[in-house]
Amino acid sequence: MKKILFSVLLFVATFANALNIGDATPTFEIKDQFDKSYKLSADTKTILVAETRSTSVIIREYLLSKDKDFLTANKTQYIADISGMPGLISKYIAIPKMKKYPFSILLVDEEQAKSFSTKEDEITVYSVVDGKVSDVKYIKTTEELDAVFK
């Protein structure tokens, strides 16, 4: 019984701070790969969150096939959680590689990452209306990602 209770509490604690339907989008500043600060604006319509390398690859390949202004035109923010990556690797390998992309990738730290729910190897898609989350989906494929913008 104690194991079950502990598991339930751990699960709840994991998602306690994550955005849910009806929640206002976070107001904290997030830096991109160029060290430029952003805040999620009231006109943001979609937030894509990648927690793993595999989900980042799906988003990256998708965005590279689009116009360089695709995210702006669709009022979308792309957030990558690289907080689990060793600091030296992110600083000297991952972030320099990200600087070659023609779009901004907002990089959350460990504390900020808690604001976004994730599922293993799935992209979290938040739909936002008037600064509040209206829907949360988890997707795995380029086709599903393309459907988000149709």
C-alpha atoms as a PDB file:
ATOM      1  CA  MET A   1       0.000   0.000   0.000  1.00  0.00           C
ATOM      2  CA  LYS A   2       2.832   2.400   0.848  1.00  0.00           C
ATOM      3  CA  LYS A   3       4.438   1.734  -2.530  1.00  0.00           C
ATOM      4  CA  ILE A   4       1.213   2.584  -4.344  1.00  0.00           C
ATOM      5  CA  LEU A   5       0.736   5.775  -2.350  1.00  0.00           C
ATOM      6  CA  PHE A   6       4.342   6.786  -2.963  1.00  0.00           C
ATOM      7  CA  SER A   7       3.961   6.120  -6.713  1.00  0.00           C
ATOM      8  CA  VAL A   8       0.790   8.219  -6.893  1.00  0.00           C
ATOM      9  CA  LEU A   9       2.422  11.097  -5.005  1.00  0.00           C
ATOM     10  CA  LEU A  10       5.508  10.931  -7.229  1.00  0.00           C
ATOM     11  CA  PHE A  11       3.332  11.003 -10.358  1.00  0.00           C
ATOM     12  CA  VAL A  12       1.331  13.984  -9.072  1.00  0.00           C
ATOM     13  CA  ALA A  13       4.492  15.848  -8.054  1.00  0.00           C
ATOM     14  CA  THR A  14       5.990  15.279 -11.490  1.00  0.00           C
ATOM     15  CA  PHE A  15       3.091  17.032 -13.213  1.00  0.00           C
ATOM     16  CA  ALA A  16       2.038  19.427 -10.450  1.00  0.00           C
ATOM     17  CA  ASN A  17       3.554  22.481 -12.101  1.00  0.00           C
ATOM     18  CA  ALA A  18       3.011  21.489 -15.728  1.00  0.00           C
ATOM     19  CA  LEU A  19       0.609  23.520 -17.856  1.00  0.00           C
ATOM     20  CA  ASN A  20      -2.919  22.208 -18.118  1.00  0.00           C
ATOM     21  CA  ILE A  21      -5.957  23.276 -20.096  1.00  0.00           C
ATOM     22  CA  GLY A  22      -7.138  26.654 -18.828  1.00  0.00           C
ATOM     23  CA  ASP A  23      -3.755  27.668 -17.407  1.00  0.00           C
ATOM     24  CA  ALA A  24      -2.123  30.922 -18.467  1.00  0.00           C
ATOM     25  CA  THR A  25       1.110  30.514 -20.392  1.00  0.00           C
ATOM     26  CA  PRO A  26       4.290  31.066 -18.389  1.00  0.00           C
ATOM     27  CA  THR A  27       5.562  34.626 -18.116  1.00  0.00           C
ATOM     28  CA  PHE A  28       9.219  33.883 -17.369  1.00  0.00           C
ATOM     29  CA  GLU A  29      11.967  34.740 -19.842  1.00  0.00           C
ATOM     30  CA  ILE A  30      13.423  31.945 -21.966  1.00  0.00           C
ATOM     31  CA  LYS A  31      16.648  32.336 -23.918  1.00  0.00           C
ATOM     32  CA  ASP A  32      17.151  30.941 -27.391  1.00  0.00           C
ATOM     33  CA  GLN A  33      20.284  29.420 -28.893  1.00  0.00           C
ATOM     34  CA  PHE A  34      21.567  32.941 -29.658  1.00  0.00           C
ATOM     35  CA  ASP A  35      21.143  33.944 -25.983  1.00  0.00           C
ATOM     36  CA  LYS A  36      18.283  36.286 -26.915  1.00  0.00           C
ATOM     37  CA  SER A  37      15.528  36.485 -24.258  1.00  0.00           C
ATOM     38  CA  TYR A  38      11.893  35.791 -25.097  1.00  0.00           C
ATOM     39  CA  LYS A  39       8.614  35.731 -23.222  1.00  0.00           C
ATOM     40  CA  LEU A  40       5.654  33.761 -24.482  1.00  0.00           C
ATOM     41  CA  SER A  41       3.445  36.495 -25.853  1.00  0.00           C
ATOM     42  CA  ALA A  42      -0.321  36.767 -25.681  1.00  0.00           C
ATOM     43  CA  ASP A  43      -0.583  36.198 -29.430  1.00  0.00           C
ATOM     44  CA  THR A  44       1.210  32.818 -29.277  1.00  0.00           C
ATOM     45  CA  LYS A  45      -1.094  30.167 -30.755  1.00  0.00           C
ATOM     46  CA  THR A  46       1.043  27.021 -30.514  1.00  0.00           C
ATOM     47  CA  ILE A  47       3.895  25.848 -28.296  1.00  0.00           C
ATOM     48  CA  LEU A  48       5.935  22.823 -29.373  1.00  0.00           C
ATOM     49  CA  VAL A  49       7.979  21.171 -26.629  1.00  0.00           C
ATOM     50  CA  ALA A  50      10.734  18.637 -27.293  1.00  0.00           C
ATOM     51  CA  GLU A  51      12.306  16.894 -24.329  1.00  0.00           C
ATOM     52  CA  THR A  52      14.401  14.272 -26.106  1.00  0.00           C
ATOM     53  CA  ARG A  53      16.832  14.239 -28.989  1.00  0.00           C
ATOM     54  CA  SER A  54      14.442  12.151 -31.099  1.00  0.00           C
ATOM     55  CA  THR A  55      11.580  14.640 -30.723  1.00  0.00           C
ATOM     56  CA  SER A  56      13.941  17.537 -31.430  1.00  0.00           C
ATOM     57  CA  VAL A  57      15.030  15.836 -34.654  1.00  0.00           C
ATOM     58  CA  ILE A  58      11.410  15.508 -35.806  1.00  0.00           C
ATOM     59  CA  ILE A  59      10.702  19.199 -35.152  1.00  0.00           C
ATOM     60  CA  ARG A  60      14.019  20.335 -36.618  1.00  0.00           C
ATOM     61  CA  GLU A  61      13.586  18.368 -39.862  1.00  0.00           C
ATOM     62  CA  TYR A  62      10.008  19.588 -40.175  1.00  0.00           C
ATOM     63  CA  LEU A  63      10.976  23.246 -39.666  1.00  0.00           C
ATOM     64  CA  LEU A  64      13.941  22.991 -42.050  1.00  0.00           C
ATOM     65  CA  SER A  65      11.472  21.969 -44.770  1.00  0.00           C
ATOM     66  CA  LYS A  66       9.440  25.157 -44.197  1.00  0.00           C
ATOM     67  CA  ASP A  67      10.075  28.858 -44.835  1.00  0.00           C
ATOM     68  CA  LYS A  68      12.423  30.460 -42.336  1.00  0.00           C
ATOM     69  CA  ASP A  69       9.526  32.584 -40.993  1.00  0.00           C
ATOM     70  CA  PHE A  70       7.244  29.572 -40.461  1.00  0.00           C
ATOM     71  CA  LEU A  71       7.217  29.793 -36.659  1.00  0.00           C
ATOM     72  CA  THR A  72       6.539  33.535 -36.650  1.00  0.00           C
ATOM     73  CA  ALA A  73       3.866  33.278 -39.352  1.00  0.00           C
ATOM     74  CA  ASN A  74       2.095  30.552 -37.373  1.00  0.00           C
ATOM     75  CA  LYS A  75       2.585  32.323 -34.007  1.00  0.00           C
ATOM     76  CA  THR A  76       4.419  29.273 -32.713  1.00  0.00           C
ATOM     77  CA  GLN A  77       7.219  28.849 -30.188  1.00  0.00           C
ATOM     78  CA  TYR A  78       9.570  25.862 -30.283  1.00  0.00           C
ATOM     79  CA  ILE A  79      10.910  24.931 -26.850  1.00  0.00           C
ATOM     80  CA  ALA A  80      13.669  22.382 -26.296  1.00  0.00           C
ATOM     81  CA  ASP A  81      14.475  20.975 -22.891  1.00  0.00           C
ATOM     82  CA  ILE A  82      18.220  20.437 -22.914  1.00  0.00           C
ATOM     83  CA  SER A  83      18.498  20.679 -19.133  1.00  0.00           C
ATOM     84  CA  GLY A  84      19.402  16.983 -18.873  1.00  0.00           C
ATOM     85  CA  MET A  85      22.282  17.370 -21.291  1.00  0.00           C
ATOM     86  CA  PRO A  86      25.769  17.677 -19.773  1.00  0.00           C
ATOM     87  CA  GLY A  87      26.825  21.334 -19.718  1.00  0.00           C
ATOM     88  CA  LEU A  88      29.978  20.888 -21.794  1.00  0.00           C
ATOM     89  CA  ILE A  89      28.104  19.042 -24.540  1.00  0.00           C
ATOM     90  CA  SER A  90      25.349  21.653 -24.712  1.00  0.00           C
ATOM     91  CA  LYS A  91      27.819  24.553 -24.639  1.00  0.00           C
ATOM     92  CA  TYR A  92      30.353  23.255 -27.146  1.00  0.00           C
ATOM     93  CA  ILE A  93      28.362  20.928 -29.409  1.00  0.00           C
ATOM     94  CA  ALA A  94      24.562  21.239 -29.241  1.00  0.00           C
ATOM     95  CA  ILE A  95      24.083  25.017 -29.013  1.00  0.00           C
ATOM     96  CA  PRO A  96      26.695  25.848 -31.714  1.00  0.00           C
ATOM     97  CA  LYS A  97      24.909  23.374 -34.010  1.00  0.00           C
ATOM     98  CA  MET A  98      21.536  24.993 -33.185  1.00  0.00           C
ATOM     99  CA  LYS A  99      22.933  28.395 -34.189  1.00  0.00           C
ATOM    100  CA  LYS A 100      23.054  27.161 -37.786  1.00  0.00           C
ATOM    101  CA  TYR A 101      19.250  26.788 -37.919  1.00  0.00           C
ATOM    102  CA  PRO A 102      17.180  29.647 -39.391  1.00  0.00           C
ATOM    103  CA  PHE A 103      14.652  29.553 -36.525  1.00  0.00           C
ATOM    104  CA  SER A 104      14.733  30.204 -32.793  1.00  0.00           C
ATOM    105  CA  ILE A 105      14.792  27.361 -30.332  1.00  0.00           C
ATOM    106  CA  LEU A 106      13.867  28.427 -26.823  1.00  0.00           C
ATOM    107  CA  LEU A 107      16.041  26.529 -24.351  1.00  0.00           C
ATOM    108  CA  VAL A 108      14.527  25.915 -20.939  1.00  0.00           C
ATOM    109  CA  ASP A 109      16.509  25.261 -17.802  1.00  0.00           C
ATOM    110  CA  GLU A 110      15.628  22.521 -15.329  1.00  0.00           C
ATOM    111  CA  GLU A 111      13.218  24.699 -13.330  1.00  0.00           C
ATOM    112  CA  GLN A 112      11.469  26.132 -16.408  1.00  0.00           C
ATOM    113  CA  ALA A 113      11.135  22.651 -17.918  1.00  0.00           C
ATOM    114  CA  LYS A 114       8.788  21.726 -15.055  1.00  0.00           C
ATOM    115  CA  SER A 115       6.198  24.093 -16.549  1.00  0.00           C
ATOM    116  CA  PHE A 116       5.745  21.864 -19.581  1.00  0.00           C
ATOM    117  CA  SER A 117       4.383  18.336 -19.481  1.00  0.00           C
ATOM    118  CA  THR A 118       6.129  15.749 -21.598  1.00  0.00           C
ATOM    119  CA  LYS A 119       5.807  12.098 -22.468  1.00  0.00           C
ATOM    120  CA  GLU A 120       8.775   9.979 -23.415  1.00  0.00           C
ATOM    121  CA  ASP A 121       9.616  10.274 -27.128  1.00  0.00           C
ATOM    122  CA  GLU A 122       6.577  12.452 -27.868  1.00  0.00           C
ATOM    123  CA  ILE A 123       6.307  16.104 -28.828  1.00  0.00           C
ATOM    124  CA  THR A 124       4.024  18.103 -26.562  1.00  0.00           C
ATOM    125  CA  VAL A 125       1.786  20.480 -28.512  1.00  0.00           C
ATOM    126  CA  TYR A 126       0.048  23.205 -26.560  1.00  0.00           C
ATOM    127  CA  SER A 127      -2.727  25.101 -28.323  1.00  0.00           C
ATOM    128  CA  VAL A 128      -3.121  28.577 -26.867  1.00  0.00           C
ATOM    129  CA  VAL A 129      -6.046  31.015 -27.105  1.00  0.00           C
ATOM    130  CA  ASP A 130      -5.803  34.478 -25.535  1.00  0.00           C
ATOM    131  CA  GLY A 131      -2.746  33.489 -23.492  1.00  0.00           C
ATOM    132  CA  LYS A 132      -4.373  30.374 -21.991  1.00  0.00           C
ATOM    133  CA  VAL A 133      -3.853  26.716 -22.844  1.00  0.00           C
ATOM    134  CA  SER A 134      -6.879  25.428 -24.737  1.00  0.00           C
ATOM    135  CA  ASP A 135      -5.569  21.952 -25.639  1.00  0.00           C
ATOM    136  CA  VAL A 136      -2.604  19.658 -24.999  1.00  0.00           C
ATOM    137  CA  LYS A 137      -1.643  16.888 -27.442  1.00  0.00           C
ATOM    138  CA  TYR A 138       1.228  14.448 -27.637  1.00  0.00           C
ATOM    139  CA  ILE A 139       2.437  13.486 -31.087  1.00  0.00           C
ATOM    140  CA  LYS A 140       5.206  11.307 -32.530  1.00  0.00           C
ATOM    141  CA  THR A 141       5.389  11.849 -36.278  1.00  0.00           C
ATOM    142  CA  THR A 142       6.005  14.488 -38.912  1.00  0.00           C
ATOM    143  CA  GLU A 143       2.530  13.820 -40.313  1.00  0.00           C
ATOM    144  CA  GLU A 144       0.936  14.581 -36.944  1.00  0.00           C
ATOM    145  CA  LEU A 145       3.079  17.713 -36.660  1.00  0.00           C
ATOM    146  CA  ASP A 146       1.974  18.826 -40.112  1.00  0.00           C
ATOM    147  CA  ALA A 147      -1.673  18.286 -39.098  1.00  0.00           C
ATOM    148  CA  VAL A 148      -1.196  20.753 -36.203  1.00  0.00           C
ATOM    149  CA  PHE A 149      -0.692  23.552 -38.745  1.00  0.00           C
ATOM    150  CA  LYS A 150      -3.517  22.667 -41.139  1.00  0.00           C
END
